[in-house]
Amino acid sequence: MTSVPECIAAGFIDLASGMLLGVKTVDSHPSEVMDLLAAATSDLFQGTNVTMIEQIFKKARGLKADDHHYFQEIIVNSDNLVHVFVRGKVHQDYVVCFVCRRSTNLGMALTKVRAAMPELETLV
């Protein structure tokens, strides 16, 4: 979190189990939000429509139907925050979500998040 500019929270999600494995935040957040973070992240990366899009892309490109996922990073901008979701390269069922203030430099935040992922994956 300290290397990502204006980062105020980070969460580690296991898509396979649907569990929030860990979270660190500088603010308090309602427990309902924390409870839904893993489910919402799973919907973003593995929802029915997302899975169908991935299957259509594979078929259109003549690729085999395997477990590879096209959606690796998702950025969500809210009124006050930027949420950067990044899927693991080694463990594709793991996603890290970094939450930054809206005033963050998005390019720098994304660069720092990408740089942090290999080390984060070794901790699993």
N, C-alpha and C. Protein backbone atom coordinates (compact mmCIF):
# COMPACT_ATOMS: atom_id res chain seq x y z
N MET A 1 0.81 -1.19 0.00
CA MET A 1 0.00 0.00 0.00
C MET A 1 0.86 1.26 0.00
N THR A 2 1.97 1.21 0.69
CA THR A 2 2.77 2.42 0.82
C THR A 2 3.41 2.84 -0.49
N SER A 3 3.60 1.90 -1.42
CA SER A 3 4.23 2.25 -2.69
C SER A 3 3.22 2.75 -3.73
N VAL A 4 1.94 2.51 -3.51
CA VAL A 4 0.91 2.93 -4.45
C VAL A 4 0.44 4.33 -4.05
N PRO A 5 0.54 5.31 -4.96
CA PRO A 5 0.21 6.69 -4.59
C PRO A 5 -1.23 6.87 -4.12
N GLU A 6 -1.37 7.52 -2.99
CA GLU A 6 -2.65 7.87 -2.38
C GLU A 6 -3.54 6.66 -2.10
N CYS A 7 -2.90 5.52 -1.87
CA CYS A 7 -3.64 4.29 -1.57
C CYS A 7 -4.14 4.35 -0.13
N ILE A 8 -5.42 4.07 0.04
CA ILE A 8 -6.01 4.10 1.37
C ILE A 8 -6.50 2.74 1.84
N ALA A 9 -6.52 1.76 0.91
CA ALA A 9 -6.96 0.41 1.29
C ALA A 9 -6.49 -0.60 0.26
N ALA A 10 -6.36 -1.83 0.71
CA ALA A 10 -6.04 -2.94 -0.19
C ALA A 10 -6.69 -4.20 0.35
N GLY A 11 -7.17 -5.01 -0.57
CA GLY A 11 -7.79 -6.28 -0.18
C GLY A 11 -7.33 -7.39 -1.09
N PHE A 12 -7.21 -8.59 -0.53
CA PHE A 12 -6.76 -9.77 -1.27
C PHE A 12 -7.93 -10.73 -1.32
N ILE A 13 -8.37 -11.08 -2.53
CA ILE A 13 -9.58 -11.87 -2.71
C ILE A 13 -9.26 -13.19 -3.40
N ASP A 14 -9.84 -14.27 -2.90
CA ASP A 14 -9.74 -15.59 -3.53
C ASP A 14 -11.05 -15.82 -4.29
N LEU A 15 -10.98 -15.78 -5.62
CA LEU A 15 -12.18 -15.94 -6.43
C LEU A 15 -12.76 -17.34 -6.32
N ALA A 16 -11.90 -18.34 -6.15
CA ALA A 16 -12.36 -19.73 -6.09
C ALA A 16 -13.25 -19.98 -4.88
N SER A 17 -12.84 -19.46 -3.74
CA SER A 17 -13.62 -19.67 -2.52
C SER A 17 -14.61 -18.54 -2.26
N GLY A 18 -14.41 -17.40 -2.94
CA GLY A 18 -15.27 -16.24 -2.71
C GLY A 18 -14.97 -15.54 -1.39
N MET A 19 -13.75 -15.72 -0.90
CA MET A 19 -13.40 -15.14 0.41
C MET A 19 -12.45 -13.97 0.28
N LEU A 20 -12.63 -13.02 1.17
CA LEU A 20 -11.69 -11.93 1.34
C LEU A 20 -10.61 -12.45 2.28
N LEU A 21 -9.41 -12.67 1.74
CA LEU A 21 -8.34 -13.29 2.53
C LEU A 21 -7.64 -12.31 3.46
N GLY A 22 -7.64 -11.04 3.07
CA GLY A 22 -7.00 -10.05 3.91
C GLY A 22 -7.36 -8.66 3.44
N VAL A 23 -7.32 -7.72 4.37
CA VAL A 23 -7.62 -6.34 4.03
C VAL A 23 -6.83 -5.43 4.96
N LYS A 24 -6.37 -4.32 4.40
CA LYS A 24 -5.72 -3.30 5.20
C LYS A 24 -6.26 -1.96 4.74
N THR A 25 -6.61 -1.12 5.67
CA THR A 25 -7.21 0.15 5.33
C THR A 25 -6.80 1.23 6.34
N VAL A 26 -6.76 2.45 5.88
CA VAL A 26 -6.44 3.56 6.79
C VAL A 26 -7.71 4.15 7.38
N ASP A 27 -8.85 3.76 6.87
CA ASP A 27 -10.15 4.24 7.33
C ASP A 27 -10.99 3.08 7.80
N SER A 28 -12.04 3.38 8.51
CA SER A 28 -12.97 2.32 8.84
C SER A 28 -14.05 2.28 7.76
N HIS A 29 -14.45 1.08 7.42
CA HIS A 29 -15.47 0.89 6.40
C HIS A 29 -16.56 0.01 7.00
N PRO A 30 -17.81 0.22 6.57
CA PRO A 30 -18.89 -0.62 7.10
C PRO A 30 -18.61 -2.10 6.83
N SER A 31 -18.92 -2.93 7.78
CA SER A 31 -18.66 -4.37 7.63
C SER A 31 -19.42 -4.95 6.44
N GLU A 32 -20.57 -4.35 6.10
CA GLU A 32 -21.34 -4.84 4.95
C GLU A 32 -20.53 -4.69 3.66
N VAL A 33 -19.76 -3.61 3.56
CA VAL A 33 -18.93 -3.39 2.37
C VAL A 33 -17.85 -4.46 2.30
N MET A 34 -17.20 -4.72 3.41
CA MET A 34 -16.14 -5.74 3.44
C MET A 34 -16.70 -7.12 3.10
N ASP A 35 -17.90 -7.40 3.60
CA ASP A 35 -18.51 -8.70 3.32
C ASP A 35 -18.82 -8.88 1.84
N LEU A 36 -19.14 -7.79 1.16
CA LEU A 36 -19.53 -7.87 -0.25
C LEU A 36 -18.37 -7.71 -1.21
N LEU A 37 -17.21 -7.28 -0.73
CA LEU A 37 -16.08 -7.01 -1.62
C LEU A 37 -15.68 -8.25 -2.42
N ALA A 38 -15.57 -9.38 -1.76
CA ALA A 38 -15.16 -10.61 -2.47
C ALA A 38 -16.21 -11.02 -3.50
N ALA A 39 -17.48 -10.95 -3.15
CA ALA A 39 -18.54 -11.33 -4.07
C ALA A 39 -18.58 -10.39 -5.27
N ALA A 40 -18.44 -9.10 -5.03
CA ALA A 40 -18.46 -8.13 -6.13
C ALA A 40 -17.25 -8.33 -7.05
N THR A 41 -16.09 -8.61 -6.46
CA THR A 41 -14.89 -8.85 -7.25
C THR A 41 -15.04 -10.10 -8.10
N SER A 42 -15.63 -11.12 -7.54
CA SER A 42 -15.88 -12.35 -8.29
C SER A 42 -16.81 -12.07 -9.47
N ASP A 43 -17.84 -11.27 -9.26
CA ASP A 43 -18.74 -10.91 -10.35
C ASP A 43 -18.00 -10.16 -11.45
N LEU A 44 -17.10 -9.24 -11.07
CA LEU A 44 -16.36 -8.47 -12.06
C LEU A 44 -15.50 -9.35 -12.95
N PHE A 45 -14.84 -10.33 -12.35
CA PHE A 45 -13.88 -11.15 -13.09
C PHE A 45 -14.45 -12.45 -13.63
N GLN A 46 -15.49 -13.00 -12.97
CA GLN A 46 -15.98 -14.33 -13.34
C GLN A 46 -17.49 -14.42 -13.43
N GLY A 47 -18.15 -13.27 -13.52
CA GLY A 47 -19.60 -13.29 -13.66
C GLY A 47 -20.01 -14.01 -14.93
N THR A 48 -21.26 -14.39 -15.01
CA THR A 48 -21.76 -15.15 -16.15
C THR A 48 -21.49 -14.44 -17.47
N ASN A 49 -21.78 -13.16 -17.54
CA ASN A 49 -21.58 -12.42 -18.79
C ASN A 49 -20.11 -12.27 -19.14
N VAL A 50 -19.26 -12.06 -18.15
CA VAL A 50 -17.82 -11.96 -18.39
C VAL A 50 -17.29 -13.29 -18.93
N THR A 51 -17.70 -14.38 -18.34
CA THR A 51 -17.28 -15.70 -18.79
C THR A 51 -17.74 -15.96 -20.22
N MET A 52 -18.96 -15.55 -20.52
CA MET A 52 -19.47 -15.73 -21.89
C MET A 52 -18.66 -14.91 -22.89
N ILE A 53 -18.30 -13.68 -22.54
CA ILE A 53 -17.49 -12.85 -23.42
C ILE A 53 -16.15 -13.51 -23.68
N GLU A 54 -15.53 -14.04 -22.64
CA GLU A 54 -14.24 -14.72 -22.80
C GLU A 54 -14.37 -15.93 -23.73
N GLN A 55 -15.43 -16.69 -23.57
CA GLN A 55 -15.65 -17.86 -24.43
C GLN A 55 -15.86 -17.45 -25.88
N ILE A 56 -16.61 -16.38 -26.11
CA ILE A 56 -16.85 -15.90 -27.48
C ILE A 56 -15.55 -15.44 -28.11
N PHE A 57 -14.71 -14.70 -27.36
CA PHE A 57 -13.42 -14.26 -27.89
C PHE A 57 -12.55 -15.46 -28.27
N LYS A 58 -12.51 -16.46 -27.42
CA LYS A 58 -11.70 -17.63 -27.70
C LYS A 58 -12.18 -18.34 -28.97
N LYS A 59 -13.48 -18.50 -29.08
CA LYS A 59 -14.04 -19.18 -30.26
C LYS A 59 -13.77 -18.37 -31.52
N ALA A 60 -13.96 -17.06 -31.46
CA ALA A 60 -13.75 -16.19 -32.63
C ALA A 60 -12.29 -16.19 -33.07
N ARG A 61 -11.39 -16.38 -32.14
CA ARG A 61 -9.96 -16.37 -32.46
C ARG A 61 -9.40 -17.77 -32.69
N GLY A 62 -10.28 -18.78 -32.66
CA GLY A 62 -9.84 -20.14 -32.91
C GLY A 62 -8.99 -20.72 -31.80
N LEU A 63 -9.16 -20.23 -30.60
CA LEU A 63 -8.39 -20.73 -29.45
C LEU A 63 -9.17 -21.82 -28.73
N LYS A 64 -8.42 -22.69 -28.06
CA LYS A 64 -9.09 -23.76 -27.32
C LYS A 64 -9.79 -23.18 -26.09
N ALA A 65 -10.83 -23.86 -25.70
CA ALA A 65 -11.59 -23.46 -24.51
C ALA A 65 -10.83 -23.95 -23.28
N ASP A 66 -10.06 -23.05 -22.68
CA ASP A 66 -9.27 -23.42 -21.49
C ASP A 66 -9.60 -22.48 -20.34
N ASP A 67 -8.77 -22.50 -19.31
CA ASP A 67 -9.03 -21.70 -18.12
C ASP A 67 -8.40 -20.31 -18.16
N HIS A 68 -7.79 -19.94 -19.30
CA HIS A 68 -7.18 -18.62 -19.39
C HIS A 68 -8.26 -17.53 -19.36
N HIS A 69 -7.95 -16.44 -18.67
CA HIS A 69 -8.90 -15.33 -18.55
C HIS A 69 -8.35 -14.10 -19.27
N TYR A 70 -9.20 -13.45 -20.06
CA TYR A 70 -8.80 -12.24 -20.77
C TYR A 70 -8.75 -11.03 -19.84
N PHE A 71 -9.66 -10.95 -18.91
CA PHE A 71 -9.75 -9.79 -18.05
C PHE A 71 -8.74 -9.91 -16.91
N GLN A 72 -7.68 -9.13 -17.00
CA GLN A 72 -6.59 -9.18 -16.02
C GLN A 72 -6.62 -8.02 -15.04
N GLU A 73 -7.08 -6.88 -15.51
CA GLU A 73 -7.13 -5.67 -14.68
C GLU A 73 -8.44 -4.94 -14.94
N ILE A 74 -9.02 -4.44 -13.86
CA ILE A 74 -10.25 -3.66 -13.98
C ILE A 74 -10.09 -2.43 -13.10
N ILE A 75 -10.41 -1.28 -13.67
CA ILE A 75 -10.32 -0.02 -12.93
C ILE A 75 -11.74 0.53 -12.79
N VAL A 76 -12.12 0.84 -11.56
CA VAL A 76 -13.44 1.38 -11.29
C VAL A 76 -13.26 2.75 -10.63
N ASN A 77 -13.83 3.76 -11.25
CA ASN A 77 -13.78 5.11 -10.70
C ASN A 77 -15.12 5.41 -10.04
N SER A 78 -15.07 5.77 -8.77
CA SER A 78 -16.27 6.19 -8.07
C SER A 78 -16.18 7.70 -7.84
N ASP A 79 -17.12 8.25 -7.11
CA ASP A 79 -17.14 9.70 -6.89
C ASP A 79 -15.84 10.21 -6.28
N ASN A 80 -15.30 9.48 -5.32
CA ASN A 80 -14.13 9.97 -4.59
C ASN A 80 -12.91 9.06 -4.67
N LEU A 81 -13.06 7.88 -5.24
CA LEU A 81 -12.00 6.89 -5.18
C LEU A 81 -11.74 6.23 -6.54
N VAL A 82 -10.56 5.64 -6.64
CA VAL A 82 -10.20 4.81 -7.79
C VAL A 82 -9.90 3.42 -7.23
N HIS A 83 -10.55 2.42 -7.78
CA HIS A 83 -10.36 1.03 -7.36
C HIS A 83 -9.64 0.30 -8.48
N VAL A 84 -8.48 -0.26 -8.17
CA VAL A 84 -7.69 -0.98 -9.16
C VAL A 84 -7.69 -2.45 -8.76
N PHE A 85 -8.30 -3.29 -9.60
CA PHE A 85 -8.38 -4.72 -9.36
C PHE A 85 -7.41 -5.41 -10.32
N VAL A 86 -6.53 -6.26 -9.79
CA VAL A 86 -5.55 -6.94 -10.63
C VAL A 86 -5.55 -8.43 -10.30
N ARG A 87 -5.71 -9.23 -11.36
CA ARG A 87 -5.69 -10.69 -11.22
C ARG A 87 -4.25 -11.16 -11.16
N GLY A 88 -3.99 -12.17 -10.36
CA GLY A 88 -2.65 -12.75 -10.28
C GLY A 88 -2.25 -13.41 -11.59
N LYS A 89 -0.98 -13.37 -11.90
CA LYS A 89 -0.47 -14.03 -13.10
C LYS A 89 -0.21 -15.51 -12.83
N VAL A 90 0.33 -15.81 -11.66
CA VAL A 90 0.64 -17.19 -11.29
C VAL A 90 -0.62 -17.88 -10.76
N HIS A 91 -1.33 -17.21 -9.89
CA HIS A 91 -2.56 -17.73 -9.29
C HIS A 91 -3.72 -16.90 -9.81
N GLN A 92 -4.34 -17.35 -10.90
CA GLN A 92 -5.40 -16.56 -11.53
C GLN A 92 -6.67 -16.45 -10.70
N ASP A 93 -6.78 -17.24 -9.65
CA ASP A 93 -7.95 -17.13 -8.79
C ASP A 93 -7.78 -16.07 -7.70
N TYR A 94 -6.64 -15.43 -7.66
CA TYR A 94 -6.41 -14.38 -6.67
C TYR A 94 -6.44 -13.01 -7.33
N VAL A 95 -7.13 -12.09 -6.69
CA VAL A 95 -7.22 -10.70 -7.16
C VAL A 95 -6.89 -9.80 -5.99
N VAL A 96 -6.09 -8.77 -6.28
CA VAL A 96 -5.81 -7.75 -5.28
C VAL A 96 -6.53 -6.49 -5.71
N CYS A 97 -7.17 -5.84 -4.77
CA CYS A 97 -7.85 -4.58 -5.02
C CYS A 97 -7.15 -3.49 -4.22
N PHE A 98 -6.68 -2.47 -4.91
CA PHE A 98 -6.10 -1.30 -4.27
C PHE A 98 -7.08 -0.15 -4.44
N VAL A 99 -7.34 0.57 -3.36
CA VAL A 99 -8.26 1.70 -3.39
C VAL A 99 -7.45 2.97 -3.13
N CYS A 100 -7.54 3.91 -4.06
CA CYS A 100 -6.79 5.16 -3.97
C CYS A 100 -7.75 6.35 -4.00
N ARG A 101 -7.28 7.46 -3.49
CA ARG A 101 -8.07 8.69 -3.62
C ARG A 101 -8.19 9.05 -5.10
N ARG A 102 -9.25 9.71 -5.45
CA ARG A 102 -9.52 10.07 -6.85
C ARG A 102 -8.42 10.95 -7.44
N SER A 103 -7.71 11.68 -6.59
CA SER A 103 -6.67 12.60 -7.06
C SER A 103 -5.36 11.88 -7.41
N THR A 104 -5.31 10.55 -7.26
CA THR A 104 -4.10 9.81 -7.58
C THR A 104 -3.75 9.93 -9.06
N ASN A 105 -2.48 9.81 -9.35
CA ASN A 105 -2.03 9.72 -10.74
C ASN A 105 -2.29 8.27 -11.16
N LEU A 106 -3.29 8.07 -12.00
CA LEU A 106 -3.74 6.71 -12.34
C LEU A 106 -2.63 5.89 -12.99
N GLY A 107 -1.85 6.50 -13.87
CA GLY A 107 -0.77 5.77 -14.53
C GLY A 107 0.27 5.29 -13.53
N MET A 108 0.62 6.16 -12.59
CA MET A 108 1.61 5.78 -11.57
C MET A 108 1.03 4.72 -10.64
N ALA A 109 -0.23 4.88 -10.26
CA ALA A 109 -0.86 3.89 -9.38
C ALA A 109 -0.87 2.52 -10.06
N LEU A 110 -1.25 2.48 -11.33
CA LEU A 110 -1.29 1.22 -12.05
C LEU A 110 0.09 0.60 -12.19
N THR A 111 1.08 1.43 -12.46
CA THR A 111 2.47 0.95 -12.56
C THR A 111 2.93 0.34 -11.24
N LYS A 112 2.64 1.01 -10.14
CA LYS A 112 3.06 0.51 -8.81
C LYS A 112 2.30 -0.76 -8.43
N VAL A 113 1.03 -0.82 -8.77
CA VAL A 113 0.24 -2.03 -8.49
C VAL A 113 0.81 -3.22 -9.26
N ARG A 114 1.09 -3.00 -10.54
CA ARG A 114 1.65 -4.08 -11.36
C ARG A 114 2.99 -4.54 -10.82
N ALA A 115 3.81 -3.60 -10.36
CA ALA A 115 5.13 -3.95 -9.82
C ALA A 115 5.00 -4.73 -8.51
N ALA A 116 3.95 -4.49 -7.75
CA ALA A 116 3.77 -5.15 -6.45
C ALA A 116 3.23 -6.58 -6.58
N MET A 117 2.56 -6.88 -7.68
CA MET A 117 1.88 -8.17 -7.82
C MET A 117 2.80 -9.39 -7.70
N PRO A 118 3.96 -9.42 -8.36
CA PRO A 118 4.78 -10.64 -8.22
C PRO A 118 5.15 -10.95 -6.77
N GLU A 119 5.47 -9.94 -6.01
CA GLU A 119 5.82 -10.16 -4.60
C GLU A 119 4.59 -10.60 -3.80
N LEU A 120 3.45 -9.98 -4.07
CA LEU A 120 2.23 -10.36 -3.37
C LEU A 120 1.87 -11.82 -3.63
N GLU A 121 2.08 -12.26 -4.86
CA GLU A 121 1.74 -13.65 -5.19
C GLU A 121 2.65 -14.65 -4.49
N THR A 122 3.87 -14.26 -4.16
CA THR A 122 4.76 -15.18 -3.45
C THR A 122 4.32 -15.38 -2.01
N LEU A 123 3.50 -14.48 -1.50
CA LEU A 123 3.04 -14.56 -0.12
C LEU A 123 1.88 -15.52 0.07
N VAL A 124 1.33 -15.99 -1.03
CA VAL A 124 0.16 -16.86 -0.96
C VAL A 124 0.58 -18.30 -0.80
